[in-house]
Every structure is written in C-alpha cells, then in structure tokens.
Amino acid sequence: MHRLIVFTTLVLALALGCAPQEASHSSDRLQVVATTGMIADLVSEVGGDRVDVVGLMGPGVDPHYYKATQGDLRHLTNADLIFYNGLFLEGKMEDIFNKMSRNKTVVAVSHTISEDLLRRPPEFKGHFDPHIWFDVGLWRLTIAAVDSTLSAAEPANADSFHARADRYAEQLDELDAWVQAQVHTIPQPRRVLITAHDAFGYFGKAYGLEVLGLQGISTVAEYGVNDVRRLVSMISERQIPAIFVESSVPERSINAVREGCLARGHEVVIGGTLYSDAMGAAGSGADTYVGMVRTNVTTLVGALR
C-alpha cells in the first residue's frame, strides 16, 4: 500500500509538471513574450500600458544561434501572446513556436510583408533575408501584425491600439526620411558598408549603399580565409575608409579584415559598433528601435563622410 501511494503521488506530480500551466498574471494586462528587442519595443509602442512585455533576447544576443532556456519556456508557457520575427531568424526556436501555436496565439510579425518586398539571397538556401528591421519603411509594415493581434485579444481596447499604431507609424515615416537624408550626405564613392555578416542588405537597398559582409545572412555560417582575402582586396583597391563591428558578433572577424588591409598598406579604421541583430543596453541610446536606427546611422555617416 505504501508503494502504491508513493507511485500515485509521483504520477500526479509528473502530470502537473508536464501539463500546460495557466498564466499567473500579476495584473489584468496582456502578458506578451517577444523574441528580439526590436519586436518587444514594437509591441510596447502599440500596446502601451495594456501590455506587459518580456523580451527573450537582450543586448548583444545573436538570434541566429539562440536556444530557449528553461526560464524562456516558462515565459512562453505563461504568455497570452507570442511575437517573433519569422523568416528563419530564430531558427533554433521554430519547433517551439509551432508547438505553442496549437494552444495560443503565436505571430510572426513578418507575415504582413509581401514576399515581393523580401530579399532572396542565393546563398541562404532558399530562405528570405530575415533582417527586415533595417529598412524602416519595411519594418513599419509589421505594426499591422501587432495592432490586429492585440485588438483581437482585447477588443475593448482596439481603438486605443489603433491610435497608438497610427502614431508610431508616423514616427517611423519621419525616421525613414531622416535616414535617407543622412545617408545622402556621404559622398557616393564612400557609400559602402562593410560588417561582420550580411545583416544590412535591406538597409543598403532602401538607402542606396553597397553592403558587404564577411559572413553570410546567418552567423551560423562560418567564414574562411578566402572570404577575408576577398574583402581585403576590395577594401584596399577601392580605398574604403572604414569598416564596422557588430554588437552581436565577435570582433575577431572584422579585426582579421583590418589586419589584412594593413598588411597591404591600406589603413582602414574600425568606424564604430553597429547594432545589428540586437538593440543596445538600457541607457545606451540604442535601447529602442528608433534609437537603435539613429545611433547606427550617426555612427555610419560619421565614419564614411
């Protein structure tokens, strides 16, 4: 009898531990989980004080490599809504999102963007380029995904969500125009952006820069000696003045390129750190999407102009 009681207790404990848990809300606000900082900021802008947002990936985190922790899984389980980028940015979490979507609302903010507007890099094995936030006009289109999802979850506050979405869209329109004006102050021959990986393709397409990365679209792909030589040769021949570090990618890759240029007699400088796959830390000025874009453009223009 004692063994039977122990066995039954263990079975019940396991059943409770494995069963989906109801959200333990500290308030009546919608509990939202977002993957990247850019998406968390977007949801906060549209949701205002009606949402509590948890961002899984903080400053300096590379979403291409990111794997969910036990703490992340608890946040995801307790969330009312989950937002992620999609387009295989969070490749190691795709299975989790697919399973979670059976029981709750899981939204890829990129789904509101027409495939005709997406880049199709041939080296990315048939996938679209996921770095959509670098084109401010394109990122503006993701507002609709958040607005409609929040409104469906809380219809009583739909008018408020719509109004906040419209205001944020206006902010991004102004930001888009500002970026265009700033980039155009760089002399045409110097409008070349070289970073650790090919994250800035949308930025280059939208604002008229040639963009080159040592690695491909995803940082999961390794770079080799030939990749370094290719960039060193191009930078030296064209006398490119500056190359850039990324906040979420180790500096050693770009340092290898710089050292190669120095060996060939061309002194290229590190123009600064750009925020690519993650926003900056609190107080950095790049801890919101708008701040991140402004910081990047100011760094870029200052080094190339």
Protein backbone atom coordinates (compact mmCIF):
# COMPACT_ATOMS: atom_id res chain seq x y z
CA MET A 1 0.00 0.00 0.00
CA HIS A 2 2.84 2.42 0.86
CA ARG A 3 4.46 1.77 -2.53
CA LEU A 4 1.14 2.38 -4.28
CA ILE A 5 0.70 5.75 -2.54
CA VAL A 6 4.24 6.84 -3.46
CA PHE A 7 3.76 5.75 -7.08
CA THR A 8 0.44 7.60 -7.36
CA THR A 9 1.96 10.77 -5.89
CA LEU A 10 4.82 10.66 -8.39
CA VAL A 11 2.44 10.20 -11.33
CA LEU A 12 0.33 13.18 -10.23
CA ALA A 13 3.42 15.35 -9.79
CA LEU A 14 4.67 14.46 -13.24
CA ALA A 15 1.27 15.09 -14.78
CA LEU A 16 1.03 18.54 -13.21
CA GLY A 17 4.58 19.37 -14.21
CA CYS A 18 4.00 18.42 -17.85
CA ALA A 19 0.56 19.93 -18.27
CA PRO A 20 0.24 23.41 -19.78
CA GLN A 21 0.11 25.94 -16.98
CA GLU A 22 -2.30 28.84 -16.92
CA ALA A 23 -0.76 32.30 -16.97
CA SER A 24 -0.16 33.63 -13.50
CA HIS A 25 -0.84 37.29 -14.24
CA SER A 26 0.22 39.95 -11.82
CA SER A 27 -2.28 42.33 -13.42
CA ASP A 28 -5.11 42.39 -15.92
CA ARG A 29 -2.72 43.44 -18.70
CA LEU A 30 -1.97 41.16 -21.62
CA GLN A 31 1.11 39.06 -20.96
CA VAL A 32 3.26 39.14 -24.09
CA VAL A 33 6.55 37.48 -24.99
CA ALA A 34 8.69 38.76 -27.87
CA THR A 35 11.92 37.27 -29.14
CA THR A 36 14.13 40.21 -30.15
CA GLY A 37 14.39 43.63 -28.57
CA MET A 38 13.09 45.26 -31.74
CA ILE A 39 9.87 43.27 -31.57
CA ALA A 40 9.48 43.83 -27.81
CA ASP A 41 9.80 47.57 -28.41
CA LEU A 42 7.26 47.42 -31.24
CA VAL A 43 4.71 45.64 -29.04
CA SER A 44 5.28 48.12 -26.21
CA GLU A 45 4.72 51.06 -28.58
CA VAL A 46 1.41 49.69 -29.85
CA GLY A 47 0.20 48.10 -26.62
CA GLY A 48 1.12 50.89 -24.19
CA ASP A 49 0.00 50.25 -20.62
CA ARG A 50 -2.28 47.41 -21.69
CA VAL A 51 0.63 45.00 -22.15
CA ASP A 52 3.40 43.51 -20.05
CA VAL A 53 6.16 42.58 -22.48
CA VAL A 54 9.02 40.16 -21.87
CA GLY A 55 11.84 40.20 -24.44
CA LEU A 56 13.79 36.96 -24.56
CA MET A 57 16.92 38.20 -26.32
CA GLY A 58 18.76 41.07 -24.67
CA PRO A 59 21.61 43.33 -25.82
CA GLY A 60 24.40 41.58 -27.69
CA VAL A 61 22.42 38.37 -28.21
CA ASP A 62 22.63 36.69 -31.63
CA PRO A 63 19.16 35.35 -32.58
CA HIS A 64 20.61 33.03 -35.25
CA TYR A 65 22.25 30.94 -32.52
CA TYR A 66 19.76 31.47 -29.71
CA LYS A 67 18.30 28.48 -27.90
CA ALA A 68 15.44 28.82 -25.42
CA THR A 69 16.32 28.45 -21.74
CA GLN A 70 14.09 26.91 -19.09
CA GLY A 71 13.19 30.43 -17.99
CA ASP A 72 12.20 31.29 -21.57
CA LEU A 73 9.95 28.25 -21.74
CA ARG A 74 8.18 29.35 -18.55
CA HIS A 75 7.61 32.82 -20.01
CA LEU A 76 6.32 31.32 -23.25
CA THR A 77 4.01 28.92 -21.43
CA ASN A 78 2.51 31.70 -19.30
CA ALA A 79 2.13 34.21 -22.14
CA ASP A 80 -1.18 35.26 -23.64
CA LEU A 81 0.52 36.21 -26.91
CA ILE A 82 3.87 35.41 -28.50
CA PHE A 83 5.52 37.51 -31.22
CA TYR A 84 8.60 36.52 -33.19
CA ASN A 85 10.32 37.73 -36.35
CA GLY A 86 9.96 34.68 -38.56
CA LEU A 87 11.82 34.18 -41.87
CA PHE A 88 14.03 31.71 -40.01
CA LEU A 89 15.74 34.40 -37.91
CA GLU A 90 15.08 32.41 -34.73
CA GLY A 91 15.85 29.14 -36.49
CA LYS A 92 16.58 27.12 -33.36
CA MET A 93 13.19 28.05 -31.85
CA GLU A 94 10.93 27.25 -34.82
CA ASP A 95 9.80 23.91 -33.38
CA ILE A 96 8.85 25.57 -30.08
CA PHE A 97 6.71 28.18 -31.85
CA ASN A 98 4.99 25.53 -33.95
CA LYS A 99 4.07 23.53 -30.84
CA MET A 100 2.98 26.60 -28.86
CA SER A 101 0.73 27.75 -31.71
CA ARG A 102 -1.56 24.77 -31.12
CA ASN A 103 -2.71 26.24 -27.81
CA LYS A 104 -2.17 30.00 -28.01
CA THR A 105 -1.66 32.91 -30.38
CA VAL A 106 1.83 32.91 -31.88
CA VAL A 107 2.52 35.54 -34.54
CA ALA A 108 5.45 36.13 -36.88
CA VAL A 109 5.46 39.91 -37.39
CA SER A 110 6.95 39.42 -40.87
CA HIS A 111 3.76 37.75 -42.14
CA THR A 112 2.25 41.13 -43.05
CA ILE A 113 5.08 41.82 -45.53
CA SER A 114 4.58 40.73 -49.14
CA GLU A 115 7.16 38.25 -50.39
CA ASP A 116 7.76 40.60 -53.32
CA LEU A 117 9.39 43.04 -50.89
CA LEU A 118 11.71 40.47 -49.32
CA ARG A 119 15.31 39.81 -50.32
CA ARG A 120 16.15 36.34 -51.63
CA PRO A 121 19.92 35.91 -51.17
CA PRO A 122 21.00 32.89 -53.27
CA GLU A 123 23.49 31.77 -50.62
CA PHE A 124 20.80 31.46 -47.91
CA LYS A 125 19.47 28.11 -49.14
CA GLY A 126 16.13 29.33 -50.45
CA HIS A 127 15.20 31.37 -47.37
CA PHE A 128 14.33 35.05 -47.33
CA ASP A 129 16.62 37.55 -45.63
CA PRO A 130 15.10 37.98 -42.13
CA HIS A 131 16.76 41.34 -41.26
CA ILE A 132 13.68 43.35 -42.21
CA TRP A 133 14.09 45.98 -39.45
CA PHE A 134 16.98 47.65 -41.30
CA ASP A 135 14.57 49.14 -43.82
CA VAL A 136 12.45 51.46 -41.67
CA GLY A 137 9.71 51.59 -44.28
CA LEU A 138 9.55 47.80 -44.35
CA TRP A 139 9.57 47.50 -40.56
CA ARG A 140 6.66 49.93 -40.48
CA LEU A 141 4.56 47.22 -42.14
CA THR A 142 4.94 44.95 -39.11
CA ILE A 143 2.91 47.39 -37.00
CA ALA A 144 -0.26 45.96 -38.56
CA ALA A 145 0.52 42.45 -37.30
CA VAL A 146 0.86 43.68 -33.71
CA ASP A 147 -2.14 46.02 -33.88
CA SER A 148 -4.52 43.38 -35.24
CA THR A 149 -3.31 40.71 -32.80
CA LEU A 150 -3.65 42.91 -29.71
CA SER A 151 -7.05 44.16 -30.88
CA ALA A 152 -8.33 40.62 -31.37
CA ALA A 153 -7.09 39.62 -27.92
CA GLU A 154 -8.62 42.66 -26.21
CA PRO A 155 -11.40 44.14 -28.40
CA ALA A 156 -12.45 46.66 -25.76
CA ASN A 157 -9.13 48.46 -26.24
CA ALA A 158 -8.90 48.12 -30.02
CA ASP A 159 -9.41 51.86 -30.61
CA SER A 160 -6.50 52.64 -28.31
CA PHE A 161 -4.25 50.12 -30.07
CA HIS A 162 -5.21 51.54 -33.48
CA ALA A 163 -4.43 55.09 -32.36
CA ARG A 164 -1.06 54.14 -30.90
CA ALA A 165 -0.23 52.15 -34.03
CA ASP A 166 -1.01 55.16 -36.22
CA ARG A 167 1.17 57.44 -34.10
CA TYR A 168 4.06 55.00 -34.20
CA ALA A 169 3.71 54.66 -37.97
CA GLU A 170 4.09 58.43 -38.25
CA GLN A 171 7.25 58.29 -36.14
CA LEU A 172 8.72 55.65 -38.43
CA ASP A 173 7.82 57.68 -41.53
CA GLU A 174 9.80 60.58 -40.07
CA LEU A 175 12.67 58.26 -39.16
CA ASP A 176 12.74 56.79 -42.67
CA ALA A 177 13.02 60.26 -44.23
CA TRP A 178 15.77 61.22 -41.75
CA VAL A 179 17.84 58.14 -42.61
CA GLN A 180 17.56 58.89 -46.34
CA ALA A 181 18.73 62.47 -45.81
CA GLN A 182 21.66 61.45 -43.60
CA VAL A 183 22.97 58.72 -45.91
CA HIS A 184 22.87 61.10 -48.86
CA THR A 185 25.43 63.32 -47.10
CA ILE A 186 28.03 60.57 -47.64
CA PRO A 187 29.98 61.07 -50.90
CA GLN A 188 28.78 58.50 -53.45
CA PRO A 189 32.10 56.58 -53.77
CA ARG A 190 32.16 56.10 -49.97
CA ARG A 191 28.66 54.65 -49.64
CA VAL A 192 29.99 51.20 -48.89
CA LEU A 193 29.02 49.43 -45.66
CA ILE A 194 31.22 46.50 -44.61
CA THR A 195 30.38 44.50 -41.49
CA ALA A 196 30.90 41.06 -39.96
CA HIS A 197 27.84 39.41 -41.53
CA ASP A 198 25.39 40.28 -44.26
CA ALA A 199 22.72 41.77 -42.00
CA PHE A 200 22.37 45.16 -43.68
CA GLY A 201 21.09 44.14 -47.11
CA TYR A 202 17.71 45.79 -46.64
CA PHE A 203 19.42 48.92 -45.37
CA GLY A 204 21.60 49.13 -48.44
CA LYS A 205 18.71 48.50 -50.81
CA ALA A 206 16.48 51.11 -49.15
CA TYR A 207 19.03 53.88 -48.70
CA GLY A 208 21.49 53.41 -51.54
CA LEU A 209 24.59 51.79 -50.07
CA GLU A 210 26.66 48.89 -51.28
CA VAL A 211 26.69 46.33 -48.47
CA LEU A 212 29.23 43.57 -47.95
CA GLY A 213 29.57 41.11 -45.09
CA LEU A 214 32.37 38.74 -44.19
CA GLN A 215 29.83 36.06 -43.27
CA GLY A 216 26.52 35.39 -44.98
CA ILE A 217 22.96 36.17 -43.90
CA SER A 218 23.23 33.92 -40.84
CA THR A 219 26.15 33.99 -38.41
CA VAL A 220 25.81 30.20 -38.19
CA ALA A 221 27.73 30.09 -41.48
CA GLU A 222 31.49 30.20 -40.90
CA TYR A 223 33.81 32.46 -42.85
CA GLY A 224 37.11 31.28 -44.31
CA VAL A 225 40.48 32.60 -45.43
CA ASN A 226 39.18 33.23 -48.94
CA ASP A 227 36.35 35.37 -47.57
CA VAL A 228 38.86 37.53 -45.68
CA ARG A 229 41.10 37.83 -48.74
CA ARG A 230 38.17 38.84 -50.93
CA LEU A 231 37.20 41.70 -48.63
CA VAL A 232 40.79 42.81 -48.02
CA SER A 233 41.41 43.03 -51.75
CA MET A 234 38.27 45.05 -52.43
CA ILE A 235 38.78 47.44 -49.49
CA SER A 236 42.41 48.09 -50.40
CA GLU A 237 41.79 48.58 -54.11
CA ARG A 238 38.89 50.96 -53.56
CA GLN A 239 40.47 52.71 -50.56
CA ILE A 240 37.40 52.21 -48.36
CA PRO A 241 37.99 54.37 -45.25
CA ALA A 242 36.11 52.40 -42.58
CA ILE A 243 34.61 49.03 -41.69
CA PHE A 244 32.29 48.26 -38.79
CA VAL A 245 31.95 45.93 -35.82
CA GLU A 246 28.53 44.50 -34.88
CA SER A 247 27.34 44.42 -31.29
CA SER A 248 26.12 40.81 -31.51
CA VAL A 249 29.08 39.36 -33.46
CA PRO A 250 32.62 38.81 -32.07
CA GLU A 251 35.11 41.47 -33.22
CA ARG A 252 37.77 38.99 -34.30
CA SER A 253 36.26 38.58 -37.77
CA ILE A 254 36.41 42.27 -38.67
CA ASN A 255 39.80 42.64 -36.97
CA ALA A 256 41.13 39.94 -39.31
CA VAL A 257 40.00 42.02 -42.27
CA ARG A 258 41.58 45.19 -40.88
CA GLU A 259 44.89 43.44 -40.24
CA GLY A 260 44.86 42.11 -43.80
CA CYS A 261 44.36 45.62 -45.16
CA LEU A 262 47.19 46.97 -43.02
CA ALA A 263 49.46 44.24 -44.38
CA ARG A 264 48.68 45.51 -47.88
CA GLY A 265 49.46 49.09 -46.92
CA HIS A 266 45.89 50.39 -46.58
CA GLU A 267 44.99 51.76 -43.16
CA VAL A 268 41.25 51.13 -42.86
CA VAL A 269 39.75 52.09 -39.49
CA ILE A 270 37.07 50.49 -37.37
CA GLY A 271 34.33 53.07 -37.85
CA GLY A 272 32.43 52.03 -34.74
CA THR A 273 29.99 49.44 -33.47
CA LEU A 274 26.65 48.98 -35.23
CA TYR A 275 23.64 47.35 -33.60
CA SER A 276 22.58 44.62 -35.97
CA ASP A 277 20.64 41.66 -34.56
CA ALA A 278 20.11 43.17 -31.11
CA MET A 279 19.43 46.60 -29.64
CA GLY A 280 21.65 48.33 -27.11
CA ALA A 281 21.60 48.15 -23.33
CA ALA A 282 19.39 50.44 -21.26
CA GLY A 283 20.75 53.98 -21.30
CA SER A 284 22.86 53.41 -24.44
CA GLY A 285 20.58 55.49 -26.64
CA ALA A 286 20.06 52.38 -28.79
CA ASP A 287 17.65 50.68 -26.38
CA THR A 288 14.60 51.42 -28.56
CA TYR A 289 14.14 50.68 -32.23
CA VAL A 290 14.14 54.36 -33.17
CA GLY A 291 17.21 54.98 -31.00
CA MET A 292 18.98 51.97 -32.48
CA VAL A 293 18.44 53.20 -36.03
CA ARG A 294 19.54 56.75 -35.20
CA THR A 295 22.65 55.51 -33.40
CA ASN A 296 23.63 53.26 -36.31
CA VAL A 297 23.15 55.96 -38.92
CA THR A 298 25.04 58.56 -36.89
CA THR A 299 27.97 56.11 -36.48
CA LEU A 300 27.92 55.15 -40.13
CA VAL A 301 27.74 58.67 -41.51
CA GLY A 302 30.39 59.94 -39.11
CA ALA A 303 32.88 57.28 -40.26
CA LEU A 304 32.23 57.38 -44.01
CA ARG A 305 31.55 61.07 -44.58
